[in-house]
Amino acid sequence: MDIERARVTSATASTTDHVGRALALRTAANERFFADQAANTARLCHGMAERFARGGRLLALGSSPQARSDVRHVAVEFVHPVIVGKRALPAIGLAREGGTLELQARLLARLDDIVIAFGAQDADEDLSRALELARDQGALTISYARGSGAEWEFEPPSNDLSVRQELAETHYHVLWELVHVFFEHRGLLQGRESRPVHDTGASSFLYPFLAEREHDVEAVLADVRRSIEMKAQEVGALRAQTLTENREVLERAAGALRSGFEAGGKLLALGNGGSATDAMDVVADFRAPPARNQQPRPAIDLTEDPAILTAIANDIGTEEIFRRQVIAYGQRGDALLALSTSGNSGNVIAALEEARKRELQTIAMVGYDGGRVASEGLADHVVVTRSQHIPRIQEAQASAYHVLRELVDS
């Protein structure tokens, strides 16, 4: 994608329309946040790598429905890396279905762990106590709200809850991407890892600036900081492309959703991996909207029930896990929102095809060139984020579905 062209498009977008205003708000917040936090983020990546090297784990905590989606998202990114050749790092997502966060932190947090908290801006006492307990037990603590008591606080410069969440998502994606830098270089870690685990290989595009035998921590930190700034520019440009090129698609999809809700319909949402957590977030935003002027809407997360997912996957196959649920829940007048970074996932395509048969409105958010979903016109409304970098695609898609949510009630 031509980043300079996308920047110009963003700068010239009209601020008299909702999508233009939403983009302008996000562009300003993204630029300010990463300009302010790049150096601290680089140092945090180094500190996290040292913890992992000593056997530490990442524990993610969250209380609200939206925070729960980030808890699941950051855990899957570390455990199941999308970049070929990157190691799986231990991460555990803890939300309230497992009991109070304080109790779970007391049982699981230990010395050398890393605890990242979502929703701290809500002044949640349970979350605050869990953070305090984890820090007392020697864990490195991170949050996205000032005054949370975490050792590392990254306050997003916006009062808009969706914008804050989008900045946090980009930030923890960057943490995941760049913590691996310090595993690539001899002598940078104080822990069991004192030698390079592997070279950058197929993932060298993540940090092409690093020499294979670099030993100077400060030099590497400076390069990591520059990489963070580059990644922030990349997602800013991709967000501009996604929202400006798909402005009319988002407006039409919002109109279709609004009409469906007014006629008694509901929304079904789905995705795989990180996109499953995005479906979780979409449903949270419709059921429990973050803005006061938004009306709660009926929505079902097709990724939510592990018993249903594993039963279908075990007895029939993974390609049926969403289609069978569309058969069970989908009715004429409903809508289906499918999230996919590739646009080629078999179970996503099967669900879209089934939804069409049952006369549901279909919306798809896809990356790359749109894959089969776009080329074969498998959805009524297709939002394409033109990138091959999965974390950046997901970040831009988060902006797209947040704006879609806003448009339904705007």
Protein backbone atom coordinates (compact mmCIF):
# COMPACT_ATOMS: atom_id res chain seq x y z
CA MET A 1 0.00 0.00 0.00
CA ASP A 2 1.20 3.54 -0.79
CA ILE A 3 1.54 4.96 2.73
CA GLU A 4 2.10 8.54 1.59
CA ARG A 5 -1.04 8.39 -0.58
CA ALA A 6 -3.02 7.05 2.35
CA ARG A 7 -1.78 9.86 4.58
CA VAL A 8 -2.91 12.43 2.05
CA THR A 9 -6.29 10.72 1.81
CA SER A 10 -6.62 10.84 5.59
CA ALA A 11 -5.63 14.48 5.80
CA THR A 12 -8.13 15.54 3.14
CA ALA A 13 -11.07 13.46 4.45
CA SER A 14 -14.08 15.62 5.17
CA THR A 15 -14.70 16.16 8.88
CA THR A 16 -18.37 16.93 8.22
CA ASP A 17 -19.26 13.21 8.08
CA HIS A 18 -19.09 10.61 10.82
CA VAL A 19 -16.46 8.39 9.18
CA GLY A 20 -14.21 11.38 8.49
CA ARG A 21 -14.47 12.61 12.06
CA ALA A 22 -13.81 9.10 13.40
CA LEU A 23 -10.70 8.81 11.26
CA ALA A 24 -9.38 12.23 12.24
CA LEU A 25 -9.82 11.39 15.93
CA ARG A 26 -7.96 8.11 15.55
CA THR A 27 -5.16 9.58 13.45
CA ALA A 28 -4.38 12.29 16.01
CA ALA A 29 -4.53 9.90 18.98
CA ASN A 30 -2.36 7.26 17.24
CA GLU A 31 0.35 9.77 16.33
CA ARG A 32 0.49 11.29 19.80
CA PHE A 33 0.37 7.99 21.69
CA PHE A 34 3.25 6.32 19.88
CA ALA A 35 5.37 9.46 19.71
CA ASP A 36 5.09 9.69 23.50
CA GLN A 37 5.40 5.98 24.30
CA ALA A 38 7.84 4.49 21.75
CA ALA A 39 10.93 4.70 23.98
CA ASN A 40 9.17 3.26 27.04
CA THR A 41 7.63 0.53 24.92
CA ALA A 42 11.06 -0.51 23.62
CA ARG A 43 12.37 -0.82 27.18
CA LEU A 44 9.29 -2.76 28.21
CA CYS A 45 9.88 -5.25 25.37
CA HIS A 46 13.37 -5.86 26.73
CA GLY A 47 12.06 -6.30 30.27
CA MET A 48 9.37 -8.72 29.09
CA ALA A 49 11.91 -10.77 27.14
CA GLU A 50 14.05 -11.10 30.26
CA ARG A 51 11.02 -12.32 32.22
CA PHE A 52 10.13 -14.88 29.56
CA ALA A 53 13.75 -16.02 29.46
CA ARG A 54 13.62 -16.70 33.21
CA GLY A 55 10.50 -18.82 32.81
CA GLY A 56 7.90 -16.12 33.36
CA ARG A 57 4.47 -16.07 31.76
CA LEU A 58 2.10 -13.38 30.55
CA LEU A 59 -1.16 -13.15 32.54
CA ALA A 60 -3.86 -10.93 31.01
CA LEU A 61 -6.64 -9.62 33.25
CA GLY A 62 -9.90 -7.94 32.26
CA SER A 63 -13.31 -7.32 33.73
CA SER A 64 -15.65 -5.62 31.25
CA PRO A 65 -17.03 -7.42 28.16
CA GLN A 66 -14.74 -5.34 25.93
CA ALA A 67 -11.71 -5.92 28.18
CA ARG A 68 -12.40 -9.66 28.08
CA SER A 69 -11.93 -9.61 24.30
CA ASP A 70 -8.48 -8.01 24.72
CA VAL A 71 -7.57 -10.57 27.38
CA ARG A 72 -8.31 -13.37 24.91
CA HIS A 73 -6.65 -11.53 22.02
CA VAL A 74 -3.30 -10.87 23.68
CA ALA A 75 -3.16 -14.45 25.00
CA VAL A 76 -3.69 -16.06 21.61
CA GLU A 77 -1.08 -13.78 19.99
CA PHE A 78 1.66 -14.89 22.39
CA VAL A 79 0.73 -18.58 22.53
CA HIS A 80 0.03 -19.03 18.82
CA PRO A 81 2.30 -16.61 16.90
CA VAL A 82 1.13 -15.84 13.38
CA ILE A 83 4.69 -15.19 12.17
CA VAL A 84 6.39 -18.37 10.94
CA GLY A 85 9.42 -19.29 13.04
CA LYS A 86 8.48 -17.31 16.14
CA ARG A 87 8.37 -19.18 19.41
CA ALA A 88 5.19 -19.75 21.38
CA LEU A 89 5.36 -17.79 24.62
CA PRO A 90 3.23 -18.75 27.65
CA ALA A 91 0.20 -16.52 28.12
CA ILE A 92 -3.00 -17.03 30.11
CA GLY A 93 -6.19 -14.98 29.77
CA LEU A 94 -8.11 -14.41 33.00
CA ALA A 95 -11.60 -12.90 32.92
CA ARG A 96 -14.40 -12.98 35.45
CA GLU A 97 -15.90 -16.31 34.33
CA GLY A 98 -13.04 -17.85 36.34
CA GLY A 99 -13.93 -16.03 39.56
CA THR A 100 -12.72 -12.72 40.90
CA LEU A 101 -9.58 -11.38 39.27
CA GLU A 102 -7.98 -10.95 42.71
CA LEU A 103 -8.49 -14.64 43.50
CA GLN A 104 -7.15 -15.76 40.13
CA ALA A 105 -4.09 -13.52 40.47
CA ARG A 106 -3.47 -14.86 43.97
CA LEU A 107 -3.59 -18.44 42.70
CA LEU A 108 -1.61 -18.00 39.48
CA ALA A 109 0.68 -14.93 39.55
CA ARG A 110 4.27 -15.57 40.56
CA LEU A 111 7.74 -14.08 40.48
CA ASP A 112 8.96 -13.25 36.94
CA ASP A 113 5.45 -13.23 35.45
CA ILE A 114 4.10 -10.31 33.42
CA VAL A 115 0.57 -9.10 34.20
CA ILE A 116 -1.27 -6.89 31.72
CA ALA A 117 -4.58 -5.33 32.79
CA PHE A 118 -7.43 -4.15 30.57
CA GLY A 119 -10.23 -1.91 31.79
CA ALA A 120 -8.25 -0.22 34.57
CA GLN A 121 -9.74 3.14 33.53
CA ASP A 122 -13.06 1.88 34.91
CA ALA A 123 -11.70 2.11 38.49
CA ASP A 124 -12.58 -1.54 39.03
CA GLU A 125 -11.65 -2.45 42.61
CA ASP A 126 -11.27 -6.15 41.85
CA LEU A 127 -8.87 -5.42 38.99
CA SER A 128 -6.93 -2.92 41.13
CA ARG A 129 -6.51 -5.45 43.92
CA ALA A 130 -5.37 -8.09 41.42
CA LEU A 131 -2.75 -5.72 40.00
CA GLU A 132 -1.50 -4.80 43.46
CA LEU A 133 -1.29 -8.44 44.47
CA ALA A 134 0.58 -9.41 41.30
CA ARG A 135 3.08 -6.59 41.80
CA ASP A 136 3.63 -7.61 45.45
CA GLN A 137 4.38 -11.14 44.24
CA GLY A 138 7.12 -9.84 41.94
CA ALA A 139 5.28 -9.70 38.63
CA LEU A 140 5.95 -6.96 36.10
CA THR A 141 2.64 -5.09 35.72
CA ILE A 142 1.22 -3.17 32.73
CA SER A 143 -2.02 -1.23 32.25
CA TYR A 144 -3.63 1.29 29.91
CA ALA A 145 -4.80 3.76 32.55
CA ARG A 146 -2.96 6.30 34.68
CA GLY A 147 -3.24 5.77 38.43
CA SER A 148 -3.87 2.03 38.13
CA GLY A 149 -0.90 1.10 40.28
CA ALA A 150 0.84 -0.80 37.47
CA GLU A 151 4.59 -0.42 37.06
CA TRP A 152 4.14 0.45 33.38
CA GLU A 153 1.16 2.67 32.53
CA PHE A 154 0.38 3.58 28.92
CA GLU A 155 -2.46 6.12 29.00
CA PRO A 156 -4.14 6.49 25.56
CA PRO A 157 -4.66 10.20 24.77
CA SER A 158 -8.40 9.96 24.14
CA ASN A 159 -11.63 9.86 26.13
CA ASP A 160 -13.29 7.74 23.44
CA LEU A 161 -13.37 4.17 24.78
CA SER A 162 -13.18 2.61 21.31
CA VAL A 163 -10.14 4.69 20.38
CA ARG A 164 -8.47 3.77 23.67
CA GLN A 165 -9.09 0.11 22.98
CA GLU A 166 -7.69 0.37 19.43
CA LEU A 167 -4.50 2.01 20.69
CA ALA A 168 -4.11 -0.67 23.34
CA GLU A 169 -4.52 -3.38 20.70
CA THR A 170 -1.82 -1.89 18.49
CA HIS A 171 0.39 -1.54 21.56
CA TYR A 172 0.13 -5.15 22.70
CA HIS A 173 0.60 -6.35 19.12
CA VAL A 174 3.83 -4.32 19.02
CA LEU A 175 4.89 -5.83 22.36
CA TRP A 176 4.34 -9.30 20.94
CA GLU A 177 6.16 -8.55 17.68
CA LEU A 178 9.19 -6.86 19.20
CA VAL A 179 9.75 -8.86 22.37
CA HIS A 180 11.18 -11.47 19.99
CA VAL A 181 13.98 -9.08 18.97
CA PHE A 182 15.73 -9.71 22.26
CA PHE A 183 15.66 -13.48 21.74
CA GLU A 184 17.58 -13.00 18.51
CA HIS A 185 20.73 -11.47 20.02
CA ARG A 186 23.46 -12.92 22.19
CA GLY A 187 24.01 -11.30 25.56
CA LEU A 188 20.89 -9.09 25.67
CA LEU A 189 19.01 -11.16 28.26
CA GLN A 190 19.69 -11.95 31.89
CA GLY A 191 18.12 -15.37 32.12
CA ARG A 192 18.30 -18.90 30.88
CA GLU A 193 18.49 -17.66 27.26
CA SER A 194 22.07 -16.46 26.76
CA ARG A 195 22.34 -17.25 23.07
CA PRO A 196 20.23 -16.58 19.98
CA VAL A 197 17.37 -19.05 19.74
CA HIS A 198 17.13 -18.67 15.97
CA ASP A 199 17.69 -16.00 13.34
CA THR A 200 14.93 -13.75 12.08
CA GLY A 201 14.38 -15.84 8.94
CA ALA A 202 11.01 -15.39 7.26
CA SER A 203 9.98 -12.80 9.84
CA SER A 204 12.91 -10.46 9.19
CA PHE A 205 10.50 -7.81 7.87
CA LEU A 206 9.46 -7.22 11.48
CA TYR A 207 12.85 -5.73 12.32
CA PRO A 208 15.07 -5.48 9.21
CA PHE A 209 17.34 -2.95 10.94
CA LEU A 210 19.02 -5.47 13.25
CA ALA A 211 22.42 -6.97 12.54
CA GLU A 212 22.72 -10.66 13.38
CA ARG A 213 25.51 -10.15 15.93
CA GLU A 214 24.34 -6.94 17.60
CA HIS A 215 25.22 -6.96 21.32
CA ASP A 216 24.65 -3.34 22.39
CA VAL A 217 21.39 -3.16 24.35
CA GLU A 218 21.05 0.61 23.99
CA ALA A 219 21.60 0.42 20.24
CA VAL A 220 18.99 -2.30 19.91
CA LEU A 221 16.56 -0.32 22.07
CA ALA A 222 17.00 2.69 19.80
CA ASP A 223 16.30 0.55 16.74
CA VAL A 224 13.26 -1.02 18.40
CA ARG A 225 11.94 2.46 19.21
CA ARG A 226 12.27 3.46 15.55
CA SER A 227 10.51 0.26 14.52
CA ILE A 228 7.62 1.08 16.88
CA GLU A 229 7.27 4.51 15.31
CA MET A 230 7.25 2.91 11.84
CA LYS A 231 4.56 0.43 12.89
CA ALA A 232 2.42 3.28 14.22
CA GLN A 233 2.71 5.06 10.89
CA GLU A 234 1.83 1.86 9.08
CA VAL A 235 -1.35 1.25 11.05
CA GLY A 236 -2.31 4.91 10.72
CA ALA A 237 -2.06 4.69 6.95
CA LEU A 238 -3.88 1.36 6.84
CA ARG A 239 -6.68 2.69 9.03
CA ALA A 240 -7.03 5.64 6.63
CA GLN A 241 -7.24 3.28 3.66
CA THR A 242 -9.78 1.05 5.38
CA LEU A 243 -12.13 3.82 6.47
CA THR A 244 -11.89 6.05 3.40
CA GLU A 245 -12.04 3.40 0.67
CA ASN A 246 -14.84 1.57 2.47
CA ARG A 247 -16.77 4.60 3.69
CA GLU A 248 -19.88 3.87 1.59
CA VAL A 249 -19.72 0.15 2.35
CA LEU A 250 -19.72 0.87 6.09
CA GLU A 251 -22.60 3.32 5.74
CA ARG A 252 -24.69 0.85 3.74
CA ALA A 253 -23.89 -1.99 6.14
CA ALA A 254 -24.88 0.19 9.10
CA GLY A 255 -28.16 1.05 7.40
CA ALA A 256 -28.89 -2.63 6.79
CA LEU A 257 -28.09 -3.48 10.41
CA ARG A 258 -30.27 -0.66 11.71
CA SER A 259 -33.20 -1.78 9.58
CA GLY A 260 -32.76 -5.37 10.71
CA PHE A 261 -32.66 -4.42 14.39
CA GLU A 262 -35.76 -2.24 14.01
CA ALA A 263 -37.59 -5.20 12.46
CA GLY A 264 -36.64 -7.49 15.35
CA GLY A 265 -33.49 -9.05 13.89
CA LYS A 266 -30.20 -9.84 15.57
CA LEU A 267 -26.50 -9.89 14.69
CA LEU A 268 -24.31 -13.00 14.54
CA ALA A 269 -20.53 -12.49 14.57
CA LEU A 270 -17.64 -14.90 13.94
CA GLY A 271 -13.93 -15.24 13.24
CA ASN A 272 -10.90 -17.46 13.92
CA GLY A 273 -8.05 -16.82 16.36
CA GLY A 274 -7.49 -13.11 16.85
CA SER A 275 -10.51 -12.51 14.63
CA ALA A 276 -12.56 -14.59 17.08
CA THR A 277 -11.68 -12.11 19.81
CA ASP A 278 -12.72 -9.32 17.44
CA ALA A 279 -16.10 -11.04 17.03
CA MET A 280 -16.26 -11.16 20.82
CA ASP A 281 -15.59 -7.41 20.94
CA VAL A 282 -18.20 -6.65 18.26
CA VAL A 283 -20.86 -8.53 20.22
CA ALA A 284 -19.81 -6.81 23.46
CA ASP A 285 -20.18 -3.41 21.78
CA PHE A 286 -23.67 -4.22 20.52
CA ARG A 287 -24.94 -5.85 23.72
CA ALA A 288 -23.25 -3.44 26.17
CA PRO A 289 -22.39 -0.33 24.10
CA PRO A 290 -19.52 1.79 25.39
CA ALA A 291 -21.23 5.08 24.46
CA ARG A 292 -24.31 6.42 26.24
CA ASN A 293 -26.04 7.40 23.00
CA GLN A 294 -25.91 3.83 21.69
CA GLN A 295 -28.83 1.46 22.21
CA PRO A 296 -28.16 -2.13 23.33
CA ARG A 297 -28.78 -4.51 20.42
CA PRO A 298 -29.26 -8.29 20.25
CA ALA A 299 -26.09 -10.06 19.15
CA ILE A 300 -24.64 -13.59 19.40
CA ASP A 301 -20.95 -14.48 19.35
CA LEU A 302 -20.51 -17.72 17.40
CA THR A 303 -17.04 -18.21 18.90
CA GLU A 304 -18.20 -17.98 22.50
CA ASP A 305 -19.21 -21.51 23.51
CA PRO A 306 -16.28 -23.98 23.63
CA ALA A 307 -18.63 -26.94 24.08
CA ILE A 308 -20.42 -26.17 20.81
CA LEU A 309 -17.18 -25.41 18.95
CA THR A 310 -15.35 -28.52 20.10
CA ALA A 311 -18.37 -30.79 19.61
CA ILE A 312 -18.81 -29.70 16.01
CA ALA A 313 -15.06 -29.72 15.30
CA ASN A 314 -14.63 -33.19 16.79
CA ASP A 315 -17.73 -34.81 15.30
CA ILE A 316 -17.90 -33.14 11.89
CA GLY A 317 -14.88 -30.90 11.30
CA THR A 318 -13.65 -27.37 11.87
CA GLU A 319 -15.12 -26.11 8.60
CA GLU A 320 -18.61 -26.63 10.04
CA ILE A 321 -18.20 -24.84 13.38
CA PHE A 322 -19.90 -21.64 12.23
CA ARG A 323 -22.23 -22.94 9.52
CA ARG A 324 -23.99 -25.26 11.99
CA GLN A 325 -24.59 -22.33 14.32
CA VAL A 326 -25.96 -20.20 11.48
CA ILE A 327 -28.42 -23.05 10.84
CA ALA A 328 -29.33 -23.11 14.54
CA TYR A 329 -29.65 -19.37 15.16
CA GLY A 330 -29.96 -17.57 11.84
CA GLN A 331 -33.34 -16.30 10.69
CA ARG A 332 -34.48 -14.13 7.84
CA GLY A 333 -33.91 -10.51 8.84
CA ASP A 334 -30.80 -11.27 10.90
CA ALA A 335 -27.29 -10.22 9.91
CA LEU A 336 -23.95 -12.03 9.96
CA LEU A 337 -20.62 -10.23 10.44
CA ALA A 338 -17.60 -12.33 9.46
CA LEU A 339 -14.04 -11.25 10.30
CA SER A 340 -11.08 -12.81 8.46
CA THR A 341 -7.59 -11.53 7.77
CA SER A 342 -7.25 -13.66 4.63
CA GLY A 343 -10.78 -13.80 3.25
CA ASN A 344 -10.17 -17.48 2.50
CA SER A 345 -11.01 -19.33 5.74
CA GLY A 346 -13.16 -22.34 4.91
CA ASN A 347 -15.40 -22.12 7.96
CA VAL A 348 -16.00 -18.40 7.37
CA ILE A 349 -16.94 -19.01 3.74
CA ALA A 350 -19.27 -21.88 4.69
CA ALA A 351 -21.04 -19.64 7.23
CA LEU A 352 -21.46 -16.82 4.71
CA GLU A 353 -22.88 -19.22 2.14
CA GLU A 354 -25.34 -20.63 4.66
CA ALA A 355 -26.36 -17.15 5.76
CA ARG A 356 -27.12 -16.23 2.15
CA LYS A 357 -29.35 -19.31 1.80
CA ARG A 358 -31.28 -18.23 4.88
CA GLU A 359 -31.60 -14.62 3.65
CA LEU A 360 -29.45 -13.00 6.30
CA GLN A 361 -27.69 -9.73 5.54
CA THR A 362 -23.97 -10.53 5.28
CA ILE A 363 -21.04 -8.26 6.17
CA ALA A 364 -17.40 -9.31 5.86
CA MET A 365 -14.22 -7.56 6.99
CA VAL A 366 -11.20 -9.08 5.24
CA GLY A 367 -7.51 -8.37 4.65
CA TYR A 368 -4.95 -8.96 1.88
CA ASP A 369 -6.82 -8.43 -1.43
CA GLY A 370 -10.09 -9.66 0.07
CA GLY A 371 -9.53 -13.32 -0.84
CA ARG A 372 -12.40 -15.47 -2.02
CA VAL A 373 -14.90 -13.48 0.02
CA ALA A 374 -14.26 -10.38 -2.09
CA SER A 375 -13.45 -11.99 -5.46
CA GLU A 376 -16.52 -14.25 -5.39
CA GLY A 377 -18.84 -11.68 -3.82
CA LEU A 378 -19.70 -13.93 -0.88
CA ALA A 379 -21.02 -11.10 1.30
CA ASP A 380 -23.42 -8.23 0.67
CA HIS A 381 -21.03 -5.69 2.21
CA VAL A 382 -17.27 -6.33 2.01
CA VAL A 383 -14.72 -4.13 3.81
CA VAL A 384 -11.19 -4.77 2.52
CA THR A 385 -8.09 -3.78 4.51
CA ARG A 386 -5.28 -3.92 1.97
CA SER A 387 -2.34 -5.40 3.85
CA GLN A 388 -0.60 -8.74 4.28
CA HIS A 389 0.47 -8.05 7.88
CA ILE A 390 -2.04 -9.76 10.16
CA PRO A 391 -1.64 -7.60 13.31
CA ARG A 392 -2.05 -4.38 11.28
CA ILE A 393 -5.10 -5.84 9.48
CA GLN A 394 -6.77 -6.64 12.80
CA GLU A 395 -6.04 -3.18 14.17
CA ALA A 396 -7.59 -1.46 11.15
CA GLN A 397 -10.54 -3.85 11.24
CA ALA A 398 -11.13 -2.88 14.88
CA SER A 399 -11.51 0.72 13.75
CA ALA A 400 -13.88 -0.39 11.00
CA TYR A 401 -16.23 -2.36 13.23
CA HIS A 402 -16.14 0.31 15.93
CA VAL A 403 -17.14 2.91 13.35
CA LEU A 404 -19.80 0.53 12.00
CA ARG A 405 -21.21 0.26 15.52
CA GLU A 406 -21.27 4.04 15.86
CA LEU A 407 -23.01 4.46 12.51
CA VAL A 408 -25.86 2.14 13.48
CA ASP A 409 -26.97 4.61 16.17
CA SER A 410 -25.56 7.85 14.77
